[in-house]
């Protein structure tokens, strides 16, 4: 999918319910708005395969696995 400018994303309990151009996408009356103008939003990506286990603390990365002895 190509990047899109000036979009509104509406979440419902952590799931994308609606996404569309900000000029035509209607926000629910009770919605909490977060202005992310100038930001990039990439929903749905979770790093679960990074091989970054350093027991001596040299990185802020977290491993999805465990340390095997």
PDB file of N, CA and C in Angstrom:
ATOM      1  N   UNK A   1       0.841  -1.169   0.000  1.00  0.00           N
ATOM      2  CA  UNK A   1       0.000   0.000   0.000  1.00  0.00           C
ATOM      3  C   UNK A   1       0.891   1.238   0.000  1.00  0.00           C
ATOM      4  N   UNK A   2       0.541   2.196  -0.806  1.00  0.00           N
ATOM      5  CA  UNK A   2       1.306   3.448  -0.887  1.00  0.00           C
ATOM      6  C   UNK A   2       0.998   4.342   0.319  1.00  0.00           C
ATOM      7  N   UNK A   3       1.970   5.138   0.751  1.00  0.00           N
ATOM      8  CA  UNK A   3       1.718   6.081   1.851  1.00  0.00           C
ATOM      9  C   UNK A   3       0.607   7.054   1.468  1.00  0.00           C
ATOM     10  N   UNK A   4      -0.155   7.482   2.450  1.00  0.00           N
ATOM     11  CA  UNK A   4      -1.253   8.423   2.229  1.00  0.00           C
ATOM     12  C   UNK A   4      -1.073   9.626   3.149  1.00  0.00           C
ATOM     13  N   UNK A   5      -1.296  10.800   2.624  1.00  0.00           N
ATOM     14  CA  UNK A   5      -1.184  12.042   3.386  1.00  0.00           C
ATOM     15  C   UNK A   5      -2.543  12.416   3.977  1.00  0.00           C
ATOM     16  N   UNK A   6      -2.538  13.153   5.090  1.00  0.00           N
ATOM     17  CA  UNK A   6      -3.714  13.768   5.688  1.00  0.00           C
ATOM     18  C   UNK A   6      -4.873  12.786   5.873  1.00  0.00           C
ATOM     19  N   UNK A   7      -4.638  11.767   6.674  1.00  0.00           N
ATOM     20  CA  UNK A   7      -5.635  10.736   6.934  1.00  0.00           C
ATOM     21  C   UNK A   7      -6.150  10.823   8.365  1.00  0.00           C
ATOM     22  N   UNK A   8      -7.364  10.340   8.572  1.00  0.00           N
ATOM     23  CA  UNK A   8      -7.942  10.185   9.904  1.00  0.00           C
ATOM     24  C   UNK A   8      -8.094   8.695  10.157  1.00  0.00           C
ATOM     25  N   UNK A   9      -7.638   8.248  11.326  1.00  0.00           N
ATOM     26  CA  UNK A   9      -7.756   6.846  11.716  1.00  0.00           C
ATOM     27  C   UNK A   9      -8.633   6.804  12.962  1.00  0.00           C
ATOM     28  N   UNK A  10      -9.689   6.018  12.907  1.00  0.00           N
ATOM     29  CA  UNK A  10     -10.582   5.876  14.054  1.00  0.00           C
ATOM     30  C   UNK A  10     -10.428   4.465  14.609  1.00  0.00           C
ATOM     31  N   UNK A  11     -10.044   4.393  15.892  1.00  0.00           N
ATOM     32  CA  UNK A  11      -9.870   3.109  16.570  1.00  0.00           C
ATOM     33  C   UNK A  11     -11.088   2.817  17.428  1.00  0.00           C
ATOM     34  N   UNK A  12     -11.450   1.557  17.501  1.00  0.00           N
ATOM     35  CA  UNK A  12     -12.534   1.109  18.371  1.00  0.00           C
ATOM     36  C   UNK A  12     -12.008  -0.067  19.188  1.00  0.00           C
ATOM     37  N   UNK A  13     -11.732   0.175  20.464  1.00  0.00           N
ATOM     38  CA  UNK A  13     -11.177  -0.845  21.363  1.00  0.00           C
ATOM     39  C   UNK A  13      -9.887  -1.451  20.798  1.00  0.00           C
ATOM     40  N   UNK A  14      -8.983  -0.597  20.294  1.00  0.00           N
ATOM     41  CA  UNK A  14      -7.682  -1.050  19.823  1.00  0.00           C
ATOM     42  C   UNK A  14      -7.649  -1.589  18.408  1.00  0.00           C
ATOM     43  N   UNK A  15      -8.771  -1.551  17.703  1.00  0.00           N
ATOM     44  CA  UNK A  15      -8.837  -2.045  16.330  1.00  0.00           C
ATOM     45  C   UNK A  15      -9.184  -0.891  15.408  1.00  0.00           C
ATOM     46  N   UNK A  16      -8.537  -0.839  14.235  1.00  0.00           N
ATOM     47  CA  UNK A  16      -8.867   0.199  13.263  1.00  0.00           C
ATOM     48  C   UNK A  16     -10.276  -0.050  12.749  1.00  0.00           C
ATOM     49  N   UNK A  17     -11.184   0.894  13.013  1.00  0.00           N
ATOM     50  CA  UNK A  17     -12.568   0.783  12.568  1.00  0.00           C
ATOM     51  C   UNK A  17     -12.772   1.501  11.236  1.00  0.00           C
ATOM     52  N   UNK A  18     -12.135   2.669  11.089  1.00  0.00           N
ATOM     53  CA  UNK A  18     -12.281   3.486   9.884  1.00  0.00           C
ATOM     54  C   UNK A  18     -10.963   4.195   9.631  1.00  0.00           C
ATOM     55  N   UNK A  19     -10.604   4.307   8.366  1.00  0.00           N
ATOM     56  CA  UNK A  19      -9.460   5.118   7.974  1.00  0.00           C
ATOM     57  C   UNK A  19      -9.791   5.766   6.645  1.00  0.00           C
ATOM     58  N   UNK A  20      -9.559   7.072   6.537  1.00  0.00           N
ATOM     59  CA  UNK A  20      -9.858   7.761   5.296  1.00  0.00           C
ATOM     60  C   UNK A  20      -9.347   9.180   5.313  1.00  0.00           C
ATOM     61  N   UNK A  21      -9.561   9.894   4.213  1.00  0.00           N
ATOM     62  CA  UNK A  21      -9.111  11.286   4.132  1.00  0.00           C
ATOM     63  C   UNK A  21      -9.716  12.133   5.247  1.00  0.00           C
ATOM     64  N   UNK A  22      -8.908  12.967   5.865  1.00  0.00           N
ATOM     65  CA  UNK A  22      -9.374  13.788   6.982  1.00  0.00           C
ATOM     66  C   UNK A  22     -10.525  14.704   6.579  1.00  0.00           C
ATOM     67  N   UNK A  23     -10.560  15.145   5.337  1.00  0.00           N
ATOM     68  CA  UNK A  23     -11.602  16.061   4.886  1.00  0.00           C
ATOM     69  C   UNK A  23     -12.973  15.409   4.842  1.00  0.00           C
ATOM     70  N   UNK A  24     -13.036  14.072   4.710  1.00  0.00           N
ATOM     71  CA  UNK A  24     -14.337  13.411   4.547  1.00  0.00           C
ATOM     72  C   UNK A  24     -14.637  12.353   5.606  1.00  0.00           C
ATOM     73  N   UNK A  25     -13.697  12.052   6.483  1.00  0.00           N
ATOM     74  CA  UNK A  25     -13.912  11.033   7.510  1.00  0.00           C
ATOM     75  C   UNK A  25     -14.489  11.696   8.757  1.00  0.00           C
ATOM     76  N   UNK A  26     -15.671  11.252   9.177  1.00  0.00           N
ATOM     77  CA  UNK A  26     -16.369  11.853  10.317  1.00  0.00           C
ATOM     78  C   UNK A  26     -15.966  11.134  11.598  1.00  0.00           C
ATOM     79  N   UNK A  27     -15.505  11.909  12.566  1.00  0.00           N
ATOM     80  CA  UNK A  27     -15.121  11.359  13.861  1.00  0.00           C
ATOM     81  C   UNK A  27     -16.358  11.214  14.743  1.00  0.00           C
ATOM     82  N   UNK A  28     -16.462  10.136  15.519  1.00  0.00           N
ATOM     83  CA  UNK A  28     -17.575  10.004  16.473  1.00  0.00           C
ATOM     84  C   UNK A  28     -17.539  11.149  17.485  1.00  0.00           C
ATOM     85  N   UNK A  29     -18.705  11.566  17.949  1.00  0.00           N
ATOM     86  CA  UNK A  29     -18.803  12.708  18.873  1.00  0.00           C
ATOM     87  C   UNK A  29     -17.980  12.502  20.145  1.00  0.00           C
ATOM     88  N   UNK A  30     -17.920  11.279  20.655  1.00  0.00           N
ATOM     89  CA  UNK A  30     -17.213  11.016  21.911  1.00  0.00           C
ATOM     90  C   UNK A  30     -15.744  10.641  21.709  1.00  0.00           C
ATOM     91  N   UNK A  31     -15.243  10.764  20.489  1.00  0.00           N
ATOM     92  CA  UNK A  31     -13.869  10.348  20.195  1.00  0.00           C
ATOM     93  C   UNK A  31     -12.857  11.276  20.868  1.00  0.00           C
ATOM     94  N   UNK A  32     -11.739  10.695  21.282  1.00  0.00           N
ATOM     95  CA  UNK A  32     -10.605  11.478  21.794  1.00  0.00           C
ATOM     96  C   UNK A  32      -9.650  11.669  20.627  1.00  0.00           C
ATOM     97  N   UNK A  33      -9.371  12.901  20.259  1.00  0.00           N
ATOM     98  CA  UNK A  33      -8.521  13.196  19.114  1.00  0.00           C
ATOM     99  C   UNK A  33      -7.063  13.348  19.541  1.00  0.00           C
ATOM    100  N   UNK A  34      -6.179  12.773  18.746  1.00  0.00           N
ATOM    101  CA  UNK A  34      -4.739  12.919  18.947  1.00  0.00           C
ATOM    102  C   UNK A  34      -4.175  13.468  17.645  1.00  0.00           C
ATOM    103  N   UNK A  35      -3.615  14.666  17.687  1.00  0.00           N
ATOM    104  CA  UNK A  35      -3.079  15.307  16.483  1.00  0.00           C
ATOM    105  C   UNK A  35      -1.677  14.771  16.207  1.00  0.00           C
ATOM    106  N   UNK A  36      -1.530  14.009  15.147  1.00  0.00           N
ATOM    107  CA  UNK A  36      -0.234  13.447  14.766  1.00  0.00           C
ATOM    108  C   UNK A  36       0.278  14.069  13.469  1.00  0.00           C
ATOM    109  N   UNK A  37      -0.117  15.310  13.213  1.00  0.00           N
ATOM    110  CA  UNK A  37       0.350  16.018  12.017  1.00  0.00           C
ATOM    111  C   UNK A  37       1.874  16.017  11.980  1.00  0.00           C
ATOM    112  N   UNK A  38       2.435  15.710  10.836  1.00  0.00           N
ATOM    113  CA  UNK A  38       3.885  15.652  10.686  1.00  0.00           C
ATOM    114  C   UNK A  38       4.493  14.333  11.113  1.00  0.00           C
ATOM    115  N   UNK A  39       3.660  13.392  11.539  1.00  0.00           N
ATOM    116  CA  UNK A  39       4.130  12.085  11.992  1.00  0.00           C
ATOM    117  C   UNK A  39       3.807  11.014  10.962  1.00  0.00           C
ATOM    118  N   UNK A  40       4.427   9.874  11.121  1.00  0.00           N
ATOM    119  CA  UNK A  40       4.116   8.704  10.305  1.00  0.00           C
ATOM    120  C   UNK A  40       3.490   7.667  11.214  1.00  0.00           C
ATOM    121  N   UNK A  41       2.344   7.144  10.814  1.00  0.00           N
ATOM    122  CA  UNK A  41       1.651   6.119  11.579  1.00  0.00           C
ATOM    123  C   UNK A  41       1.746   4.811  10.809  1.00  0.00           C
ATOM    124  N   UNK A  42       2.268   3.777  11.447  1.00  0.00           N
ATOM    125  CA  UNK A  42       2.393   2.461  10.829  1.00  0.00           C
ATOM    126  C   UNK A  42       1.734   1.451  11.752  1.00  0.00           C
ATOM    127  N   UNK A  43       0.434   1.226  11.595  1.00  0.00           N
ATOM    128  CA  UNK A  43      -0.258   0.320  12.508  1.00  0.00           C
ATOM    129  C   UNK A  43       0.025  -1.146  12.219  1.00  0.00           C
ATOM    130  N   UNK A  44      -0.001  -1.940  13.265  1.00  0.00           N
ATOM    131  CA  UNK A  44       0.034  -3.385  13.107  1.00  0.00           C
ATOM    132  C   UNK A  44       1.385  -4.045  12.998  1.00  0.00           C
ATOM    133  N   UNK A  45       2.462  -3.320  13.184  1.00  0.00           N
ATOM    134  CA  UNK A  45       3.777  -3.948  13.092  1.00  0.00           C
ATOM    135  C   UNK A  45       4.309  -4.246  14.483  1.00  0.00           C
ATOM    136  N   UNK A  46       4.682  -5.492  14.720  1.00  0.00           N
ATOM    137  CA  UNK A  46       5.257  -5.904  15.988  1.00  0.00           C
ATOM    138  C   UNK A  46       6.524  -6.687  15.694  1.00  0.00           C
ATOM    139  N   UNK A  47       7.657  -6.262  16.248  1.00  0.00           N
ATOM    140  CA  UNK A  47       8.908  -6.982  16.044  1.00  0.00           C
ATOM    141  C   UNK A  47       8.985  -8.195  16.950  1.00  0.00           C
ATOM    142  N   UNK A  48       8.866  -9.371  16.387  1.00  0.00           N
ATOM    143  CA  UNK A  48       8.887 -10.591  17.191  1.00  0.00           C
ATOM    144  C   UNK A  48      10.002 -11.548  16.741  1.00  0.00           C
ATOM    145  N   UNK A  49      10.965 -11.040  15.980  1.00  0.00           N
ATOM    146  CA  UNK A  49      12.034 -11.914  15.524  1.00  0.00           C
ATOM    147  C   UNK A  49      13.309 -11.096  15.355  1.00  0.00           C
ATOM    148  N   UNK A  50      13.922 -10.725  16.465  1.00  0.00           N
ATOM    149  CA  UNK A  50      15.043  -9.798  16.376  1.00  0.00           C
ATOM    150  C   UNK A  50      16.383 -10.353  16.829  1.00  0.00           C
ATOM    151  N   UNK A  51      16.419 -11.433  17.580  1.00  0.00           N
ATOM    152  CA  UNK A  51      17.681 -12.026  18.053  1.00  0.00           C
ATOM    153  C   UNK A  51      18.574 -11.003  18.733  1.00  0.00           C
ATOM    154  N   UNK A  52      18.055 -10.278  19.696  1.00  0.00           N
ATOM    155  CA  UNK A  52      18.818  -9.239  20.379  1.00  0.00           C
ATOM    156  C   UNK A  52      18.945  -9.501  21.874  1.00  0.00           C
ATOM    157  N   UNK A  53      19.226 -10.708  22.286  1.00  0.00           N
ATOM    158  CA  UNK A  53      19.337 -10.959  23.717  1.00  0.00           C
ATOM    159  C   UNK A  53      20.771 -10.707  24.166  1.00  0.00           C
ATOM    160  N   UNK A  54      20.955  -9.647  24.952  1.00  0.00           N
ATOM    161  CA  UNK A  54      22.257  -9.309  25.505  1.00  0.00           C
ATOM    162  C   UNK A  54      22.129  -9.264  27.023  1.00  0.00           C
ATOM    163  N   UNK A  55      22.527 -10.306  27.733  1.00  0.00           N
ATOM    164  CA  UNK A  55      22.332 -10.339  29.191  1.00  0.00           C
ATOM    165  C   UNK A  55      23.105  -9.260  29.941  1.00  0.00           C
ATOM    166  N   UNK A  56      24.058  -8.614  29.317  1.00  0.00           N
ATOM    167  CA  UNK A  56      24.828  -7.591  30.018  1.00  0.00           C
ATOM    168  C   UNK A  56      24.270  -6.185  29.781  1.00  0.00           C
ATOM    169  N   UNK A  57      23.111  -6.041  29.130  1.00  0.00           N
ATOM    170  CA  UNK A  57      22.413  -4.760  29.049  1.00  0.00           C
ATOM    171  C   UNK A  57      22.983  -3.739  28.098  1.00  0.00           C
ATOM    172  N   UNK A  58      23.458  -4.144  26.925  1.00  0.00           N
ATOM    173  CA  UNK A  58      24.062  -3.183  26.004  1.00  0.00           C
ATOM    174  C   UNK A  58      23.072  -2.589  25.013  1.00  0.00           C
ATOM    175  N   UNK A  59      21.826  -2.957  25.083  1.00  0.00           N
ATOM    176  CA  UNK A  59      20.847  -2.432  24.137  1.00  0.00           C
ATOM    177  C   UNK A  59      19.499  -2.238  24.826  1.00  0.00           C
ATOM    178  N   UNK A  60      18.676  -1.382  24.253  1.00  0.00           N
ATOM    179  CA  UNK A  60      17.318  -1.214  24.778  1.00  0.00           C
ATOM    180  C   UNK A  60      16.346  -2.159  24.083  1.00  0.00           C
ATOM    181  N   UNK A  61      16.817  -2.919  23.091  1.00  0.00           N
ATOM    182  CA  UNK A  61      15.972  -3.895  22.414  1.00  0.00           C
ATOM    183  C   UNK A  61      15.574  -5.021  23.338  1.00  0.00           C
ATOM    184  N   UNK A  62      14.422  -5.567  23.127  1.00  0.00           N
ATOM    185  CA  UNK A  62      13.940  -6.682  23.939  1.00  0.00           C
ATOM    186  C   UNK A  62      13.754  -7.900  23.051  1.00  0.00           C
ATOM    187  N   UNK A  63      14.165  -9.041  23.524  1.00  0.00           N
ATOM    188  CA  UNK A  63      14.030 -10.254  22.749  1.00  0.00           C
ATOM    189  C   UNK A  63      12.653 -10.879  22.971  1.00  0.00           C
ATOM    190  N   UNK A  64      12.139 -11.528  21.921  1.00  0.00           N
ATOM    191  CA  UNK A  64      10.866 -12.225  22.046  1.00  0.00           C
ATOM    192  C   UNK A  64      11.104 -13.655  22.505  1.00  0.00           C
ATOM    193  N   UNK A  65      12.360 -14.064  22.553  1.00  0.00           N
ATOM    194  CA  UNK A  65      12.702 -15.417  22.970  1.00  0.00           C
ATOM    195  C   UNK A  65      13.197 -15.471  24.388  1.00  0.00           C
ATOM    196  N   UNK A  66      14.071 -16.432  24.658  1.00  0.00           N
ATOM    197  CA  UNK A  66      14.617 -16.554  25.996  1.00  0.00           C
ATOM    198  C   UNK A  66      16.082 -16.936  25.902  1.00  0.00           C
ATOM    199  N   UNK A  67      16.777 -16.822  27.015  1.00  0.00           N
ATOM    200  CA  UNK A  67      18.190 -17.187  27.078  1.00  0.00           C
ATOM    201  C   UNK A  67      18.287 -18.668  27.388  1.00  0.00           C
ATOM    202  N   UNK A  68      18.933 -19.416  26.526  1.00  0.00           N
ATOM    203  CA  UNK A  68      19.096 -20.856  26.752  1.00  0.00           C
ATOM    204  C   UNK A  68      20.510 -21.131  27.262  1.00  0.00           C
ATOM    205  N   UNK A  69      20.612 -21.982  28.264  1.00  0.00           N
ATOM    206  CA  UNK A  69      21.922 -22.345  28.817  1.00  0.00           C
ATOM    207  C   UNK A  69      22.253 -23.757  28.435  1.00  0.00           C
TER     208      UNK A  69
END
